[in-house]
Every structure is written in C-alpha cells, then in structure tokens.
Amino acid sequence: MTHIQRIIVCVVLASITMAHTEDATPREALLKTYPQAAKEAITKADKLFALPVKTVMDKTAVAASGDKHDYYSLSPYYWPNPDSADGTPFVNKDGQLNPAAESDDYDRVAYFRMADTVKFCAIAWRLTGEMKYAEKAASTMRAWFVSPATRMKPNLNYAQYVPGVNTGSRTGIIRGMTILELIDCVKIIESSGAWTMEDKTAWSKWLSDFANWLQESEFGIAESKALNNHGTWYDVQVATFALEGGNTELASRMVREAAEKRIAKQILPDGKQPLELMRTKSWDYSVMNLDAMVRLAMLGERVNVDLWNFTPPNGGGIRVAIDYLLPFATGEKDWKAKQLNEFKPEAFYPVLRRAAVAYGNSSYSEALSVFASTLEPIGLDHLMYPAIP
C-alpha cells in the first residue's frame, strides 16, 4: 500500500464523524417537512430491497480485456451505421439513447440500479432507523466494490465503447459521477454498523486505486483535457478523491486551476455555457455542468479557494451562469435552445439551493419556494443532504 493509499484509508475511516453530524437532523423533521418525498423514497427502497444485486459478473458480454470484472458499456448515443453491412462503425445521434446500451449485455443498467439501491436504502435507513435498509445498502456496496468474486475493477477502461471505433472511451469517465454520490451514501449508513471496518478499508483502497487510474491512465489524462462538462466532472472527481484521502495539496490545485481552466473558458460574460447549449439536451447539460462547478466551489471552501466569487477579466463566473439559468427555471422565460426530452426546471433546484447558502442571497432563497417540495428532485435533495440549510 502506498503512502497516499494509507492516507485515504485513515481519512475515509475517520469520516464517520462527518456522517454523525449530518445524521443529527431529526428524522421526524424530515418526515414532517417532506412527507411525500419520504414516502416515495421508502417505497423505492422497498422495491429495490426485494431485487437481487446484479454485479459486473452478471452481464453477458465481456470487454476486450476478457475480464468480466471490468465495467463494460456501450456508448449510449451511438447507433449502428445504416450504410454498412455489419453496422460499424457506429454513428453518433446526440441525446438519443440506443436501447442496446441498456441491455443485459452490458453493465449500465445494473450499475444504475446498484446506485439507486444504495441511495434509497441509505435514505430509508435515515428516515426509519430500520437496519434492513442499511444492511441492503452495505451488501450492495460490498458486492460491487469489496467482494473479490464480484467486485468491479477500479477503472473505466471499457466504458462507453463504440463498435468499429474503439474498445472503450475516455468519455466513459463521466460515470464516475455516480461514485461521488456513493461516497455520501456510505457516510449515511456508517453509524448503523452495517458497513464494517473491513468494508471501509476495502472501499478506501478501491477509491484510492480509482483515483490513481484517473490521474495516470491514457483515458484519464485525455478526459482532463475535455473542454465541456466532461472536463469539469473529471476535476470534481479528482478533487473529491484527493480530499477524501487527505491530499489537500492536490485538491487545492485542482480547484484553483478550475477557475481559469473551466469557469473562465466555459461561461461567457452573459452566463451562457456555449458548449452545453450546442447539445440536443441543452438545458440538462447546462445545469449538469454548472452543478459540477458548484461542487468545485464547495470543495474550494474546504481548501480556502474561492470559486464562488471568481470573475474572469472579461466577465462571467458561476454567479452569472446561475443568474442566466434562473429565469428559465422559475418560468419567467421560455427555454428556446434545443431540448430533446422534457424540460424539467426542478433539475436546477440543487444548484440554486447551494448558491443561496454560498451567496446569502435572499432572491435565490425566495426563488427556491417556486419549486414544489413534492417534486422528487427537491425533496430527495433535502433527504439526502439535510445539513444544507
């Protein structure tokens, strides 16, 4: 075990203190304030509780490595080429999900089910205190990241492959977003005792190995150079794993460099994010990229780097981007850019909630009340992160 890995083990094991702090929110208060969201979360937890855990070993296809332990997925927006006999090379249809990507041949569906199981069972544990939920969340995590027979290897070498083009793509690293949420879910259930010391050590080692892969692999290095949300989420992953491992120097550097590397280059003076507006689901990607920037700003608070108030010489910045999207979220303006699927203003709520706290902005706080607490993203955000005012 390297020095960095030893640090990660120590810090992640110590994170139970943070979990206790967040769990201090009385479950009665959450149940009273968000009754529908709580009911729906517990219902989902019950449905997922009844399902067997599918791991990387359950897919029918195998990556080019020949090892089922490697996560393997088809790039979701690529389709068979109509101009070739065998359909290769696949061609891109941005924003249009190829149903084959969600078949049992690959890991995509099982991976998302795993994440939902951990999340909703962790929330159900928080709301009810029933051990069965914490145990289900823990056993699901154990199957995916701990147990030698079923664990996923700590890489995404074969994620989002494109038939006829490659065996995996650097864009598959975006799936690491899910791991960020899993870190938070584990902290929720730690106080239950279902997640053992042995589990914590193995999970810490997995995170350490994955963090090293992100920084050292060909795909990781390529993704770090991405100019859109992929690059921003890469930074969030590396900075988060660095902080989890006690490497504040790396976290600080990642956050500090994000000012010029991400914010200055991706947000125009009027708040638009041009590379996200080019997408066929422009609202979704604009919110998604800004969410990553907000997360970087929150990480910055922990390493004394202020991204919230960073303003490039020509203007722009996180706050300007928030102000640009806000009237569309509240219904004051209609979103005119291309949006293939349903326009969901509530997707913006978590970003606005965190910005309201960071800026102490009363207009942001007032805007939060526009969103009905019965909408899933609103209630779920509070159930998952009750410590945010």
Protein backbone atom coordinates (compact mmCIF):
# COMPACT_ATOMS: atom_id res chain seq x y z
CA MET A 1 0.00 0.00 0.00
CA THR A 2 1.41 3.38 -1.00
CA HIS A 3 1.67 6.39 1.30
CA ILE A 4 -1.31 8.06 -0.47
CA GLN A 5 -3.38 4.91 -0.10
CA ARG A 6 -2.63 4.73 3.62
CA ILE A 7 -3.77 8.34 3.99
CA ILE A 8 -7.00 7.58 2.13
CA VAL A 9 -7.74 4.62 4.38
CA CYS A 10 -7.23 6.70 7.52
CA VAL A 11 -9.30 9.66 6.39
CA VAL A 12 -12.21 7.69 4.98
CA LEU A 13 -12.37 5.63 8.17
CA ALA A 14 -12.49 8.87 10.13
CA SER A 15 -15.33 10.23 8.00
CA ILE A 16 -17.87 8.60 10.29
CA THR A 17 -17.67 11.80 12.38
CA MET A 18 -18.97 13.78 9.41
CA ALA A 19 -21.76 11.26 8.91
CA HIS A 20 -22.84 11.62 12.54
CA THR A 21 -23.02 15.38 12.14
CA GLU A 22 -25.31 15.13 9.12
CA ASP A 23 -27.44 12.41 10.72
CA ALA A 24 -28.09 14.79 13.61
CA THR A 25 -31.09 16.15 11.67
CA PRO A 26 -34.11 14.56 13.40
CA ARG A 27 -35.84 12.10 11.10
CA GLU A 28 -39.15 13.38 12.42
CA ALA A 29 -38.39 16.80 10.95
CA LEU A 30 -37.61 15.33 7.55
CA LEU A 31 -40.72 13.16 7.58
CA LYS A 32 -42.86 16.15 8.53
CA THR A 33 -41.36 18.60 6.04
CA TYR A 34 -41.07 16.26 3.07
CA PRO A 35 -43.74 13.60 3.66
CA GLN A 36 -44.35 12.74 0.01
CA ALA A 37 -40.67 12.57 -0.91
CA ALA A 38 -40.02 10.45 2.18
CA LYS A 39 -42.87 8.09 1.33
CA GLU A 40 -41.70 7.77 -2.27
CA ALA A 41 -38.08 7.18 -1.19
CA ILE A 42 -39.09 4.41 1.21
CA THR A 43 -41.35 2.86 -1.45
CA LYS A 44 -38.46 2.83 -3.90
CA ALA A 45 -36.17 1.41 -1.26
CA ASP A 46 -38.66 -1.41 -0.62
CA LYS A 47 -38.85 -2.26 -4.32
CA LEU A 48 -35.09 -2.26 -4.71
CA PHE A 49 -34.68 -4.15 -1.44
CA ALA A 50 -36.62 -7.05 -2.96
CA LEU A 51 -34.40 -7.28 -6.04
CA PRO A 52 -31.22 -9.37 -6.16
CA VAL A 53 -27.99 -7.44 -6.62
CA LYS A 54 -26.63 -7.68 -10.15
CA THR A 55 -22.92 -7.04 -10.45
CA VAL A 56 -20.41 -6.78 -13.28
CA MET A 57 -20.29 -10.57 -13.28
CA ASP A 58 -23.91 -10.81 -14.44
CA LYS A 59 -23.57 -9.18 -17.85
CA THR A 60 -23.48 -11.47 -20.88
CA ALA A 61 -20.88 -9.56 -22.92
CA VAL A 62 -17.22 -9.27 -21.96
CA ALA A 63 -14.86 -6.36 -22.54
CA ALA A 64 -11.80 -6.63 -24.76
CA SER A 65 -9.78 -7.47 -21.64
CA GLY A 66 -11.63 -10.77 -21.35
CA ASP A 67 -12.27 -9.99 -17.68
CA LYS A 68 -15.87 -9.66 -16.51
CA HIS A 69 -14.66 -7.65 -13.52
CA ASP A 70 -14.07 -4.76 -15.91
CA TYR A 71 -17.03 -2.40 -16.23
CA TYR A 72 -18.31 -2.61 -19.79
CA SER A 73 -20.84 -0.35 -21.51
CA LEU A 74 -21.92 0.73 -24.97
CA SER A 75 -21.70 4.45 -25.69
CA PRO A 76 -25.36 5.39 -25.22
CA TYR A 77 -25.77 7.84 -28.08
CA TYR A 78 -24.13 5.69 -30.76
CA TRP A 79 -26.19 3.62 -33.19
CA PRO A 80 -25.49 1.05 -35.93
CA ASN A 81 -24.31 2.59 -39.17
CA PRO A 82 -27.08 2.22 -41.78
CA ASP A 83 -24.53 2.42 -44.59
CA SER A 84 -22.53 -0.68 -43.65
CA ALA A 85 -23.42 -4.38 -43.68
CA ASP A 86 -22.36 -5.04 -40.10
CA GLY A 87 -23.46 -1.66 -38.72
CA THR A 88 -19.94 -0.48 -37.95
CA PRO A 89 -18.55 1.97 -37.31
CA PHE A 90 -21.43 3.10 -35.10
CA VAL A 91 -22.59 6.69 -35.66
CA ASN A 92 -23.49 9.37 -33.15
CA LYS A 93 -27.06 10.56 -32.57
CA ASP A 94 -26.54 13.02 -29.74
CA GLY A 95 -29.11 12.75 -26.99
CA GLN A 96 -30.85 9.70 -28.50
CA LEU A 97 -30.36 6.66 -26.28
CA ASN A 98 -29.65 3.42 -28.13
CA PRO A 99 -31.78 0.74 -26.36
CA ALA A 100 -28.95 -1.76 -26.85
CA ALA A 101 -26.91 0.24 -24.32
CA GLU A 102 -29.43 -0.77 -21.66
CA SER A 103 -29.49 -4.47 -22.44
CA ASP A 104 -28.23 -7.14 -20.06
CA ASP A 105 -25.19 -7.49 -22.31
CA TYR A 106 -23.64 -4.53 -20.53
CA ASP A 107 -23.22 -3.05 -17.04
CA ARG A 108 -25.03 0.28 -17.46
CA VAL A 109 -28.45 -0.73 -16.09
CA ALA A 110 -27.05 -2.86 -13.26
CA TYR A 111 -24.70 -0.03 -12.29
CA PHE A 112 -27.52 2.50 -12.05
CA ARG A 113 -29.70 0.02 -10.16
CA MET A 114 -26.84 -0.53 -7.72
CA ALA A 115 -26.52 3.22 -7.17
CA ASP A 116 -30.28 3.64 -6.69
CA THR A 117 -30.37 0.74 -4.25
CA VAL A 118 -27.59 2.22 -2.14
CA LYS A 119 -29.08 5.72 -2.25
CA PHE A 120 -32.70 4.92 -1.50
CA CYS A 121 -31.87 2.31 1.13
CA ALA A 122 -29.48 4.76 2.82
CA ILE A 123 -32.23 7.40 2.84
CA ALA A 124 -34.76 4.83 4.12
CA TRP A 125 -32.34 3.98 6.94
CA ARG A 126 -32.07 7.68 7.77
CA LEU A 127 -35.86 8.04 7.82
CA THR A 128 -36.84 4.84 9.62
CA GLY A 129 -33.81 3.59 11.51
CA GLU A 130 -34.63 0.07 10.27
CA MET A 131 -31.43 -1.95 9.99
CA LYS A 132 -32.61 -3.90 6.97
CA TYR A 133 -32.15 -0.83 4.79
CA ALA A 134 -28.64 -0.11 5.99
CA GLU A 135 -27.75 -3.76 5.55
CA LYS A 136 -29.09 -3.80 2.00
CA ALA A 137 -27.12 -0.67 1.10
CA ALA A 138 -24.00 -2.17 2.65
CA SER A 139 -24.37 -5.57 0.98
CA THR A 140 -24.91 -3.89 -2.40
CA MET A 141 -21.77 -1.79 -1.98
CA ARG A 142 -19.91 -4.87 -0.80
CA ALA A 143 -20.90 -6.83 -3.90
CA TRP A 144 -19.78 -4.07 -6.27
CA PHE A 145 -16.61 -2.81 -4.62
CA VAL A 146 -15.40 -5.21 -1.95
CA SER A 147 -16.09 -8.92 -2.55
CA PRO A 148 -13.28 -10.43 -4.68
CA ALA A 149 -15.68 -12.70 -6.56
CA THR A 150 -17.97 -9.92 -7.78
CA ARG A 151 -16.21 -6.57 -7.40
CA MET A 152 -15.74 -4.11 -10.24
CA LYS A 153 -12.12 -3.33 -11.03
CA PRO A 154 -11.20 0.30 -10.24
CA ASN A 155 -11.10 1.59 -13.80
CA LEU A 156 -13.40 2.61 -16.66
CA ASN A 157 -11.20 1.38 -19.47
CA TYR A 158 -14.11 -0.22 -21.31
CA ALA A 159 -16.90 2.22 -20.59
CA GLN A 160 -18.85 3.76 -23.47
CA TYR A 161 -17.19 1.75 -26.21
CA VAL A 162 -18.15 2.42 -29.82
CA PRO A 163 -18.30 -0.68 -32.08
CA GLY A 164 -15.97 -0.37 -35.02
CA VAL A 165 -14.19 2.58 -33.41
CA ASN A 166 -12.72 1.61 -30.04
CA THR A 167 -12.93 -0.81 -27.11
CA GLY A 168 -13.65 1.96 -24.63
CA SER A 169 -13.75 5.74 -24.49
CA ARG A 170 -12.41 8.44 -22.20
CA THR A 171 -15.97 9.85 -22.12
CA GLY A 172 -16.97 6.85 -20.02
CA ILE A 173 -15.25 8.55 -17.07
CA ILE A 174 -18.43 10.62 -16.66
CA ARG A 175 -19.89 7.52 -14.99
CA GLY A 176 -17.62 8.31 -12.03
CA MET A 177 -20.21 10.96 -11.08
CA THR A 178 -22.14 8.10 -9.50
CA ILE A 179 -19.21 7.18 -7.27
CA LEU A 180 -19.27 10.69 -5.79
CA GLU A 181 -22.82 10.13 -4.58
CA LEU A 182 -21.96 6.66 -3.28
CA ILE A 183 -19.33 8.22 -1.02
CA ASP A 184 -22.08 10.36 0.55
CA CYS A 185 -24.44 7.37 0.84
CA VAL A 186 -21.86 5.31 2.68
CA LYS A 187 -21.42 8.11 5.19
CA ILE A 188 -25.16 7.98 5.91
CA ILE A 189 -25.13 4.28 6.81
CA GLU A 190 -21.80 4.18 8.67
CA SER A 191 -23.43 4.87 12.02
CA SER A 192 -25.64 1.79 11.57
CA GLY A 193 -22.71 -0.59 11.88
CA ALA A 194 -23.78 -2.45 8.73
CA TRP A 195 -20.72 -1.08 6.93
CA THR A 196 -17.87 -2.77 8.74
CA MET A 197 -14.30 -1.68 9.35
CA GLU A 198 -13.17 -4.28 6.81
CA ASP A 199 -15.63 -2.83 4.28
CA LYS A 200 -14.35 0.69 4.92
CA THR A 201 -10.76 -0.36 4.37
CA ALA A 202 -11.56 -2.15 1.11
CA TRP A 203 -13.73 0.74 -0.15
CA SER A 204 -10.96 3.19 0.68
CA LYS A 205 -8.47 1.08 -1.24
CA TRP A 206 -10.85 0.93 -4.23
CA LEU A 207 -11.26 4.70 -4.23
CA SER A 208 -7.52 5.18 -3.99
CA ASP A 209 -6.85 2.86 -6.91
CA PHE A 210 -9.58 4.51 -8.98
CA ALA A 211 -8.18 7.97 -8.20
CA ASN A 212 -4.74 6.83 -9.33
CA TRP A 213 -6.24 5.43 -12.53
CA LEU A 214 -7.97 8.75 -13.23
CA GLN A 215 -4.70 10.63 -12.97
CA GLU A 216 -2.35 8.18 -14.64
CA SER A 217 -4.31 6.38 -17.37
CA GLU A 218 -4.45 7.44 -21.00
CA PHE A 219 -8.21 7.94 -20.73
CA GLY A 220 -7.95 9.92 -17.52
CA ILE A 221 -5.34 12.26 -18.94
CA ALA A 222 -7.44 12.73 -22.10
CA GLU A 223 -10.61 13.41 -20.11
CA SER A 224 -8.82 16.02 -18.02
CA LYS A 225 -8.39 17.99 -21.25
CA ALA A 226 -12.09 17.89 -22.18
CA LEU A 227 -13.48 21.39 -22.70
CA ASN A 228 -17.08 20.77 -21.63
CA ASN A 229 -18.89 19.16 -18.68
CA HIS A 230 -16.72 16.05 -19.01
CA GLY A 231 -13.65 18.04 -18.02
CA THR A 232 -15.47 19.75 -15.17
CA TRP A 233 -16.74 16.48 -13.72
CA TYR A 234 -13.26 15.00 -14.08
CA ASP A 235 -11.96 17.80 -11.86
CA VAL A 236 -14.74 17.20 -9.32
CA GLN A 237 -13.84 13.52 -9.11
CA VAL A 238 -10.11 14.03 -8.67
CA ALA A 239 -10.55 16.87 -6.15
CA THR A 240 -13.10 14.89 -4.14
CA PHE A 241 -10.97 11.76 -4.00
CA ALA A 242 -7.98 13.88 -3.05
CA LEU A 243 -9.84 15.44 -0.12
CA GLU A 244 -11.21 12.05 0.94
CA GLY A 245 -7.63 10.88 1.05
CA GLY A 246 -6.30 13.89 2.92
CA ASN A 247 -4.34 15.18 -0.07
CA THR A 248 -5.36 18.82 0.34
CA GLU A 249 -2.50 19.98 -1.88
CA LEU A 250 -3.87 18.11 -4.91
CA ALA A 251 -7.45 19.12 -4.11
CA SER A 252 -6.43 22.74 -3.76
CA ARG A 253 -4.55 22.67 -7.05
CA MET A 254 -7.47 21.08 -8.92
CA VAL A 255 -9.94 23.63 -7.56
CA ARG A 256 -7.60 26.59 -8.07
CA GLU A 257 -6.85 25.64 -11.68
CA ALA A 258 -10.56 25.16 -12.39
CA ALA A 259 -11.01 28.93 -12.19
CA GLU A 260 -9.23 29.58 -15.48
CA LYS A 261 -9.42 26.08 -16.94
CA ARG A 262 -13.18 25.60 -16.52
CA ILE A 263 -15.09 28.68 -15.36
CA ALA A 264 -13.30 31.27 -17.48
CA LYS A 265 -13.40 29.13 -20.60
CA GLN A 266 -16.86 27.61 -20.30
CA ILE A 267 -19.01 30.53 -19.11
CA LEU A 268 -19.49 33.58 -21.32
CA PRO A 269 -19.84 37.11 -19.84
CA ASP A 270 -23.64 36.81 -20.18
CA GLY A 271 -23.71 33.49 -18.30
CA LYS A 272 -24.26 31.16 -21.24
CA GLN A 273 -22.34 27.91 -21.48
CA PRO A 274 -21.88 27.58 -25.25
CA LEU A 275 -20.55 24.03 -25.36
CA GLU A 276 -23.54 22.79 -23.37
CA LEU A 277 -26.01 24.87 -25.39
CA MET A 278 -24.79 23.08 -28.51
CA ARG A 279 -26.13 19.77 -27.21
CA THR A 280 -29.50 18.33 -28.13
CA LYS A 281 -30.42 18.34 -24.43
CA SER A 282 -29.07 21.83 -23.81
CA TRP A 283 -30.95 22.53 -20.56
CA ASP A 284 -29.89 19.25 -19.00
CA TYR A 285 -26.24 19.76 -19.88
CA SER A 286 -26.17 23.43 -18.89
CA VAL A 287 -27.45 22.51 -15.44
CA MET A 288 -25.21 19.47 -15.25
CA ASN A 289 -22.04 21.45 -15.96
CA LEU A 290 -23.00 24.21 -13.56
CA ASP A 291 -23.71 21.58 -10.91
CA ALA A 292 -20.11 20.39 -11.30
CA MET A 293 -18.80 23.94 -10.95
CA VAL A 294 -20.87 24.45 -7.80
CA ARG A 295 -19.42 21.25 -6.39
CA LEU A 296 -15.93 22.53 -7.14
CA ALA A 297 -16.80 25.78 -5.38
CA MET A 298 -18.00 23.82 -2.33
CA LEU A 299 -14.78 21.81 -2.35
CA GLY A 300 -12.94 25.11 -2.60
CA GLU A 301 -14.48 26.20 0.70
CA ARG A 302 -12.58 23.34 2.33
CA VAL A 303 -9.20 24.34 0.87
CA ASN A 304 -9.53 28.14 1.03
CA VAL A 305 -10.07 28.67 -2.69
CA ASP A 306 -12.98 30.96 -3.56
CA LEU A 307 -14.57 29.89 -6.83
CA TRP A 308 -17.97 31.28 -5.87
CA ASN A 309 -16.78 34.83 -6.44
CA PHE A 310 -14.19 34.24 -9.15
CA THR A 311 -14.83 36.60 -12.06
CA PRO A 312 -12.77 36.27 -15.26
CA PRO A 313 -11.34 39.54 -16.67
CA ASN A 314 -13.99 39.66 -19.39
CA GLY A 315 -16.83 38.79 -17.04
CA GLY A 316 -18.81 35.65 -16.36
CA GLY A 317 -18.36 33.29 -13.44
CA ILE A 318 -20.56 30.88 -11.53
CA ARG A 319 -22.96 33.51 -10.21
CA VAL A 320 -23.53 34.97 -13.67
CA ALA A 321 -24.26 31.47 -15.01
CA ILE A 322 -26.75 30.92 -12.19
CA ASP A 323 -28.44 34.24 -12.94
CA TYR A 324 -28.68 33.30 -16.61
CA LEU A 325 -30.43 29.96 -15.94
CA LEU A 326 -32.63 31.13 -13.04
CA PRO A 327 -35.46 32.83 -15.00
CA PHE A 328 -35.86 29.73 -17.15
CA ALA A 329 -36.09 27.56 -14.05
CA THR A 330 -38.69 29.80 -12.42
CA GLY A 331 -40.77 30.10 -15.59
CA GLU A 332 -40.12 33.79 -16.22
CA LYS A 333 -38.57 32.90 -19.58
CA ASP A 334 -39.04 30.07 -22.05
CA TRP A 335 -36.07 27.88 -22.92
CA LYS A 336 -35.52 28.25 -26.65
CA ALA A 337 -32.41 26.12 -27.14
CA LYS A 338 -32.79 22.54 -28.30
CA GLN A 339 -34.07 20.14 -25.65
CA LEU A 340 -34.98 16.69 -26.98
CA ASN A 341 -36.55 15.42 -23.80
CA GLU A 342 -38.90 17.11 -21.33
CA PHE A 343 -37.74 20.46 -19.93
CA LYS A 344 -37.52 19.95 -16.17
CA PRO A 345 -36.90 23.22 -14.31
CA GLU A 346 -36.62 21.38 -10.98
CA ALA A 347 -33.26 19.97 -12.09
CA PHE A 348 -31.86 23.41 -11.27
CA TYR A 349 -33.03 23.32 -7.64
CA PRO A 350 -29.97 21.65 -6.04
CA VAL A 351 -27.67 24.17 -7.74
CA LEU A 352 -29.80 27.11 -6.59
CA ARG A 353 -30.11 25.75 -3.06
CA ARG A 354 -26.35 25.64 -2.62
CA ALA A 355 -25.89 29.04 -4.27
CA ALA A 356 -28.46 30.60 -1.92
CA VAL A 357 -26.34 29.50 1.03
CA ALA A 358 -22.99 30.44 -0.51
CA TYR A 359 -24.06 33.94 -1.52
CA GLY A 360 -26.53 34.59 1.29
CA ASN A 361 -28.79 35.78 -1.49
CA SER A 362 -32.39 36.37 -0.44
CA SER A 363 -33.64 36.42 -4.03
CA TYR A 364 -32.18 32.95 -4.54
CA SER A 365 -33.82 31.79 -1.31
CA GLU A 366 -37.14 33.24 -2.44
CA ALA A 367 -36.80 31.54 -5.82
CA LEU A 368 -36.44 28.18 -4.08
CA SER A 369 -40.04 28.50 -2.91
CA VAL A 370 -41.21 28.46 -6.53
CA PHE A 371 -40.39 24.76 -6.66
CA ALA A 372 -42.95 22.45 -5.06
CA SER A 373 -41.48 20.33 -2.28
CA THR A 374 -43.47 17.42 -3.69
CA LEU A 375 -41.23 17.28 -6.77
CA GLU A 376 -38.80 14.40 -6.39
CA PRO A 377 -35.51 16.29 -7.03
CA ILE A 378 -36.43 18.84 -4.33
CA GLY A 379 -37.48 16.52 -1.56
CA LEU A 380 -34.80 13.98 -2.42
CA ASP A 381 -32.07 16.62 -2.23
CA HIS A 382 -33.17 17.53 1.28
CA LEU A 383 -33.46 13.91 2.37
CA MET A 384 -30.01 13.17 1.04
CA TYR A 385 -28.36 16.39 2.26
CA PRO A 386 -30.39 17.75 5.20
CA ALA A 387 -27.42 19.68 6.61
CA ILE A 388 -27.61 22.25 3.80
CA PRO A 389 -29.97 24.99 5.09
